[in-house]
C-alpha cells in the first residue's frame, strides 16, 4: 500500500472513531432518562413550550438529541429501516419546532417494529458480499479477519475518546444521561445523587492551598419540611482523600431546580451507575494483559510485553526450523 493510501486509510479510521464515539454517547442516552419513548411525552413538551416553560433553544435541543439517539445511537435510518434522518433546516431556514416534534413522534411510532442493536455500529467500508463457488480461499477469509481487527481497533479507540471527553467534562455521560427536567424531591427519597460542592484548602503540588469543585455522592434519606428553600437529608459517602470527610455522614443540602444538571457549585443530578472503560482490546493487548514477569512479581508494561511476545514468536520460529 502506498503512503497516500495509508494516509487516506488512517483518515478514514480516525473519522470512523470520532463518529463511533458520538454513537456510543447517543446509544447510552437512548437507554437513559434523557430518552423520550412515548408520543404523549412529546405532546406534553409542546404544551410546556407553548406555556413558556421551555425556551425555544431548550425545546430544540430536546427534540434534536432524541432524534440523534435513534439515528446516531441506534443507527436506524440506514439500510432496510425507514430513514429516520431529517435536516435541521430547509431552504436556509430552521425547521419549525412543531415539524421536528412531528418527526420525533413518527420515529417513536415506527421504532417499535425494530430491535435495538446490541451496540452502536462501526461505520467502516464493508467487504462486498460475494457468492462463493466451491471452497473459499485464504484471501477471502483474510479480508474478513482484517476487517474484524480494524473494527475492534476503532471500537477501542472510540472508547478511549469517550474516556478523554469525560475527563475534560466534554459530553459527560453522567450529565447527558439525565432527565431533561429536575426530579421532584419526593421521588428522590431512597435514590442516590451527585452534588457539586466547593472544598477549601486543597493542597497543590507546590504546597499552596486552593479551592476545588468536586462531585459528591450520597443517598437521599428524606425531604426536609418547613424550609425556606427545597432541602433533603443525605447520607453522604465517605471521601478518604478529603480532610474532614473521611467517614460517611448525614447532612442536609439545598437542591434548587435552577441548578439541576448544571456545572457550577450547588449543581445536582442522579448518581448513575455507568462504567466508562475499554470494552474492546486488540489480540495483542489481550496477550499483553496475560503476561507477567515472574522474576519479581510485577506486571510488565505494554512495550516490554510486545518485546517479549516478538521474542517468543522469534524463538518459536527458530525451534520449528531446527526440528526440520
Protein backbone atom coordinates (compact mmCIF):
# COMPACT_ATOMS: atom_id res chain seq x y z
CA UNK A 1 0.00 0.00 0.00
CA UNK A 2 1.35 3.43 -0.99
CA UNK A 3 1.94 6.23 1.52
CA UNK A 4 -1.02 8.15 0.10
CA UNK A 5 -3.29 5.14 0.51
CA UNK A 6 -2.06 4.69 4.10
CA UNK A 7 -2.86 8.34 4.89
CA UNK A 8 -6.33 8.06 3.36
CA UNK A 9 -6.96 4.84 5.24
CA UNK A 10 -5.90 6.41 8.57
CA UNK A 11 -8.13 9.41 7.93
CA UNK A 12 -10.99 7.02 7.34
CA UNK A 13 -10.26 5.18 10.59
CA UNK A 14 -9.98 8.48 12.51
CA UNK A 15 -13.32 9.62 11.11
CA UNK A 16 -14.93 6.30 12.00
CA UNK A 17 -13.51 6.55 15.53
CA UNK A 18 -14.95 10.03 16.10
CA UNK A 19 -18.33 9.05 14.69
CA UNK A 20 -18.42 5.89 16.83
CA UNK A 21 -17.57 7.90 19.98
CA UNK A 22 -20.62 10.08 19.25
CA UNK A 23 -22.73 6.99 18.57
CA UNK A 24 -21.69 5.43 21.89
CA UNK A 25 -22.81 8.61 23.66
CA UNK A 26 -26.21 8.69 21.95
CA UNK A 27 -26.69 4.93 22.35
CA UNK A 28 -26.19 5.37 26.09
CA UNK A 29 -28.66 8.27 26.11
CA UNK A 30 -31.26 6.11 24.35
CA UNK A 31 -31.22 3.81 27.38
CA UNK A 32 -31.41 6.66 29.89
CA UNK A 33 -33.93 9.11 31.36
CA UNK A 34 -32.99 11.55 28.59
CA UNK A 35 -34.80 9.42 26.01
CA UNK A 36 -38.47 10.13 25.22
CA UNK A 37 -40.20 6.89 24.25
CA UNK A 38 -43.85 7.96 24.41
CA UNK A 39 -45.65 10.16 21.88
CA UNK A 40 -47.67 11.67 24.74
CA UNK A 41 -44.45 12.99 26.27
CA UNK A 42 -43.69 14.90 23.07
CA UNK A 43 -47.16 16.44 23.23
CA UNK A 44 -46.53 17.46 26.86
CA UNK A 45 -43.26 19.10 25.83
CA UNK A 46 -45.03 21.15 23.16
CA UNK A 47 -47.60 22.22 25.74
CA UNK A 48 -44.87 23.33 28.15
CA UNK A 49 -43.19 25.23 25.34
CA UNK A 50 -46.44 26.99 24.45
CA UNK A 51 -46.79 27.96 28.10
CA UNK A 52 -43.27 29.47 28.03
CA UNK A 53 -41.99 26.85 30.49
CA UNK A 54 -39.42 25.68 27.91
CA UNK A 55 -37.42 28.09 25.78
CA UNK A 56 -37.13 27.70 22.00
CA UNK A 57 -33.47 26.72 22.44
CA UNK A 58 -34.26 24.17 25.14
CA UNK A 59 -37.09 22.64 23.13
CA UNK A 60 -34.94 22.41 20.02
CA UNK A 61 -32.16 20.67 21.96
CA UNK A 62 -34.50 18.05 23.45
CA UNK A 63 -36.03 17.23 20.06
CA UNK A 64 -32.73 17.10 18.17
CA UNK A 65 -30.96 15.00 20.78
CA UNK A 66 -33.82 12.49 20.86
CA UNK A 67 -33.71 12.18 17.08
CA UNK A 68 -29.92 11.68 17.22
CA UNK A 69 -30.37 8.90 19.80
CA UNK A 70 -32.18 6.97 17.08
CA UNK A 71 -30.11 7.90 14.03
CA UNK A 72 -26.62 8.09 15.55
CA UNK A 73 -27.05 5.89 18.62
CA UNK A 74 -29.13 3.02 17.28
CA UNK A 75 -28.16 3.51 13.63
CA UNK A 76 -31.75 3.49 12.44
CA UNK A 77 -32.25 5.10 9.08
CA UNK A 78 -29.55 3.11 7.32
CA UNK A 79 -30.16 0.03 5.21
CA UNK A 80 -33.59 -1.57 5.32
CA UNK A 81 -35.11 0.52 8.13
CA UNK A 82 -37.11 3.69 7.35
CA UNK A 83 -34.99 6.81 7.09
CA UNK A 84 -35.29 8.49 10.49
CA UNK A 85 -32.92 11.31 9.49
CA UNK A 86 -34.14 14.87 9.00
CA UNK A 87 -32.25 18.04 8.11
CA UNK A 88 -32.28 20.77 10.75
CA UNK A 89 -33.02 23.42 8.13
CA UNK A 90 -34.75 23.72 4.77
CA UNK A 91 -34.14 26.41 2.18
CA UNK A 92 -31.68 28.07 4.57
CA UNK A 93 -34.40 28.33 7.22
CA UNK A 94 -34.53 26.43 10.51
CA UNK A 95 -37.27 23.85 10.63
CA UNK A 96 -40.15 24.82 12.95
CA UNK A 97 -40.18 23.09 16.33
CA UNK A 98 -43.59 21.61 15.51
CA UNK A 99 -42.07 19.92 12.44
CA UNK A 100 -39.22 18.40 14.48
CA UNK A 101 -41.73 17.26 17.10
CA UNK A 102 -43.90 15.63 14.43
CA UNK A 103 -40.84 13.82 13.06
CA UNK A 104 -39.90 12.54 16.52
CA UNK A 105 -43.45 11.28 17.03
CA UNK A 106 -43.19 9.43 13.72
CA UNK A 107 -39.93 7.80 14.81
CA UNK A 108 -41.32 6.75 18.19
CA UNK A 109 -44.26 5.11 16.43
CA UNK A 110 -42.12 3.27 13.85
CA UNK A 111 -39.20 2.22 16.06
CA UNK A 112 -41.35 -0.31 17.92
CA UNK A 113 -41.10 -2.55 14.85
CA UNK A 114 -37.31 -2.80 15.10
CA UNK A 115 -34.89 -4.40 17.52
CA UNK A 116 -32.47 -2.18 19.38
CA UNK A 117 -28.94 -3.17 18.26
CA UNK A 118 -26.70 -4.71 20.95
CA UNK A 119 -24.16 -1.93 20.38
CA UNK A 120 -23.54 1.00 18.01
CA UNK A 121 -22.35 0.11 14.54
CA UNK A 122 -18.86 0.95 13.27
CA UNK A 123 -19.06 2.88 10.00
CA UNK A 124 -16.24 1.24 8.01
CA UNK A 125 -16.18 0.27 4.33
CA UNK A 126 -17.65 -3.24 4.13
CA UNK A 127 -16.26 -6.07 2.03
CA UNK A 128 -18.78 -6.60 -0.77
CA UNK A 129 -20.88 -9.73 -0.28
CA UNK A 130 -19.95 -12.20 -2.99
CA UNK A 131 -21.20 -15.67 -3.74
CA UNK A 132 -18.58 -18.35 -3.11
CA UNK A 133 -18.26 -21.12 -5.67
CA UNK A 134 -16.58 -24.12 -4.16
CA UNK A 135 -14.21 -23.60 -1.22
CA UNK A 136 -13.44 -20.07 -0.04
CA UNK A 137 -9.80 -19.07 -0.48
CA UNK A 138 -7.46 -17.91 2.28
CA UNK A 139 -7.61 -14.39 0.82
CA UNK A 140 -11.39 -14.40 1.30
CA UNK A 141 -11.02 -15.18 5.00
CA UNK A 142 -8.08 -12.76 5.35
CA UNK A 143 -10.32 -9.88 4.24
CA UNK A 144 -12.85 -10.79 6.92
CA UNK A 145 -10.12 -11.09 9.53
CA UNK A 146 -8.59 -7.72 8.62
CA UNK A 147 -11.98 -6.03 8.78
CA UNK A 148 -12.72 -7.54 12.20
CA UNK A 149 -9.35 -6.37 13.53
CA UNK A 150 -9.88 -2.85 12.19
CA UNK A 151 -13.36 -2.75 13.68
CA UNK A 152 -12.02 -3.85 17.06
CA UNK A 153 -9.31 -1.18 16.97
CA UNK A 154 -11.84 1.52 16.09
CA UNK A 155 -14.12 0.42 18.94
CA UNK A 156 -11.23 0.50 21.39
CA UNK A 157 -10.09 3.94 20.18
CA UNK A 158 -13.65 5.29 20.37
CA UNK A 159 -13.96 4.08 23.98
CA UNK A 160 -10.75 5.95 24.79
CA UNK A 161 -12.12 9.09 23.12
CA UNK A 162 -15.19 8.79 25.38
CA UNK A 163 -12.95 8.49 28.44
CA UNK A 164 -10.91 11.52 27.38
CA UNK A 165 -14.06 13.56 26.82
CA UNK A 166 -15.33 12.59 30.26
CA UNK A 167 -12.04 13.65 31.87
CA UNK A 168 -12.35 17.06 30.17
CA UNK A 169 -16.01 17.39 31.11
CA UNK A 170 -16.93 17.38 27.42
CA UNK A 171 -20.06 15.37 26.58
CA UNK A 172 -20.10 13.79 30.03
CA UNK A 173 -22.26 10.66 30.03
CA UNK A 174 -23.17 11.38 33.65
CA UNK A 175 -24.68 14.67 32.52
CA UNK A 176 -26.14 13.68 29.15
CA UNK A 177 -27.97 10.64 30.56
CA UNK A 178 -30.06 12.70 32.98
CA UNK A 179 -33.71 13.65 32.72
CA UNK A 180 -34.33 16.96 30.94
CA UNK A 181 -36.16 18.31 33.98
CA UNK A 182 -35.44 18.28 37.75
CA UNK A 183 -36.70 15.24 39.63
CA UNK A 184 -39.37 16.07 42.26
CA UNK A 185 -37.79 15.83 45.72
CA UNK A 186 -40.30 13.27 47.00
CA UNK A 187 -39.23 10.93 44.17
CA UNK A 188 -35.60 11.26 45.25
CA UNK A 189 -36.03 9.53 48.61
CA UNK A 190 -34.04 6.29 48.53
CA UNK A 191 -32.21 7.44 45.38
CA UNK A 192 -28.54 8.35 45.08
CA UNK A 193 -27.50 11.80 43.89
CA UNK A 194 -24.39 13.67 42.75
CA UNK A 195 -23.81 17.14 44.24
CA UNK A 196 -21.15 19.59 43.06
CA UNK A 197 -19.58 21.37 46.02
CA UNK A 198 -16.58 23.56 46.85
CA UNK A 199 -13.79 22.20 49.01
CA UNK A 200 -11.35 24.64 50.57
CA UNK A 201 -7.70 24.15 51.43
CA UNK A 202 -6.99 21.56 48.78
CA UNK A 203 -3.24 21.07 48.58
CA UNK A 204 -1.32 21.70 45.37
CA UNK A 205 1.98 20.19 44.30
CA UNK A 206 3.77 23.43 45.15
CA UNK A 207 2.40 23.34 48.70
CA UNK A 208 -0.11 26.17 48.27
CA UNK A 209 -3.79 25.81 49.08
CA UNK A 210 -6.68 26.30 46.68
CA UNK A 211 -10.40 25.78 46.24
CA UNK A 212 -11.64 22.88 44.14
CA UNK A 213 -15.02 21.70 42.88
CA UNK A 214 -15.89 18.06 43.38
CA UNK A 215 -18.87 15.84 42.74
CA UNK A 216 -20.02 14.16 45.96
CA UNK A 217 -22.31 11.14 46.16
CA UNK A 218 -24.88 10.06 48.71
CA UNK A 219 -28.35 8.60 49.30
CA UNK A 220 -31.34 10.87 49.92
CA UNK A 221 -32.88 9.89 53.26
CA UNK A 222 -35.85 12.26 53.42
CA UNK A 223 -37.24 15.60 52.29
CA UNK A 224 -36.88 18.33 54.93
CA UNK A 225 -40.15 20.14 55.56
CA UNK A 226 -40.73 23.75 56.65
CA UNK A 227 -37.58 25.04 54.97
CA UNK A 228 -37.41 28.31 53.04
CA UNK A 229 -35.61 26.51 50.21
CA UNK A 230 -36.02 22.90 48.94
CA UNK A 231 -33.75 20.69 51.04
CA UNK A 232 -33.17 16.99 51.60
CA UNK A 233 -31.21 14.99 54.16
CA UNK A 234 -28.45 12.98 52.52
CA UNK A 235 -26.28 10.16 53.84
CA UNK A 236 -23.03 11.19 52.13
CA UNK A 237 -20.41 8.66 51.07
CA UNK A 238 -17.04 8.81 52.78
CA UNK A 239 -14.23 10.63 50.92
CA UNK A 240 -11.00 9.22 52.39
CA UNK A 241 -8.85 11.67 50.43
CA UNK A 242 -10.65 14.79 51.73
CA UNK A 243 -9.80 16.01 55.23
CA UNK A 244 -12.83 16.16 57.49
CA UNK A 245 -14.89 13.88 55.25
CA UNK A 246 -13.07 10.60 55.76
CA UNK A 247 -16.23 8.98 57.15
CA UNK A 248 -19.78 8.94 55.83
CA UNK A 249 -22.12 11.46 57.43
CA UNK A 250 -25.70 12.73 57.27
CA UNK A 251 -26.09 16.37 56.31
CA UNK A 252 -28.84 18.46 54.65
CA UNK A 253 -28.35 20.00 51.24
CA UNK A 254 -30.27 22.53 49.16
CA UNK A 255 -31.46 21.27 45.76
CA UNK A 256 -32.62 24.11 43.53
CA UNK A 257 -34.40 23.39 40.25
CA UNK A 258 -32.28 26.08 38.61
CA UNK A 259 -29.14 24.04 39.32
CA UNK A 260 -30.39 20.70 38.04
CA UNK A 261 -27.72 19.01 35.91
CA UNK A 262 -25.56 22.13 35.66
CA UNK A 263 -21.80 22.55 36.03
CA UNK A 264 -21.46 25.06 38.84
CA UNK A 265 -21.44 24.97 42.67
CA UNK A 266 -24.70 23.62 44.02
CA UNK A 267 -25.44 21.59 40.89
CA UNK A 268 -27.12 18.23 41.39
CA UNK A 269 -28.19 15.19 39.38
CA UNK A 270 -28.84 11.47 39.74
CA UNK A 271 -25.86 9.29 40.62
CA UNK A 272 -25.79 6.99 37.60
CA UNK A 273 -24.14 3.59 37.63
CA UNK A 274 -22.17 3.95 34.42
CA UNK A 275 -18.79 2.37 33.79
CA UNK A 276 -16.54 4.11 31.29
CA UNK A 277 -13.82 1.78 30.14
CA UNK A 278 -12.29 0.00 27.17
CA UNK A 279 -14.52 -2.96 26.43
CA UNK A 280 -12.56 -3.81 23.31
CA UNK A 281 -8.95 -4.88 23.19
CA UNK A 282 -6.74 -5.98 20.34
CA UNK A 283 -5.43 -9.53 20.38
CA UNK A 284 -2.00 -8.15 21.20
CA UNK A 285 -3.38 -6.25 24.20
CA UNK A 286 -5.13 -9.37 25.48
CA UNK A 287 -1.89 -11.31 25.23
CA UNK A 288 -0.03 -8.49 26.97
CA UNK A 289 -2.54 -8.43 29.79
CA UNK A 290 -1.99 -12.12 30.41
CA UNK A 291 1.82 -11.91 30.51
CA UNK A 292 3.51 -11.48 33.88
CA UNK A 293 7.20 -11.20 34.61
CA UNK A 294 7.70 -13.90 37.23
CA UNK A 295 11.16 -12.73 38.26
CA UNK A 296 9.92 -10.05 40.64
CA UNK A 297 6.15 -10.49 40.55
CA UNK A 298 5.42 -7.18 38.76
CA UNK A 299 3.35 -6.81 35.58
CA UNK A 300 5.33 -5.79 32.53
CA UNK A 301 4.33 -2.59 30.74
CA UNK A 302 2.98 -2.70 27.18
CA UNK A 303 6.32 -2.06 25.43
CA UNK A 304 8.08 -4.76 27.46
CA UNK A 305 5.22 -7.11 26.75
CA UNK A 306 5.32 -6.51 23.00
CA UNK A 307 9.06 -7.11 23.03
CA UNK A 308 8.55 -10.35 24.96
CA UNK A 309 5.88 -11.53 22.51
CA UNK A 310 8.09 -10.78 19.50
CA UNK A 311 10.98 -12.60 21.18
CA UNK A 312 8.74 -15.59 21.94
CA UNK A 313 7.46 -15.73 18.36
CA UNK A 314 11.02 -15.48 17.02
CA UNK A 315 12.23 -18.33 19.25
CA UNK A 316 9.21 -20.41 18.21
CA UNK A 317 10.11 -19.97 14.53
CA UNK A 318 13.74 -20.95 15.24
CA UNK A 319 12.64 -24.06 17.10
CA UNK A 320 10.43 -25.14 14.22
CA UNK A 321 13.21 -24.68 11.68
CA UNK A 322 15.63 -26.63 13.84
CA UNK A 323 13.16 -29.51 14.08
CA UNK A 324 13.07 -29.64 10.32
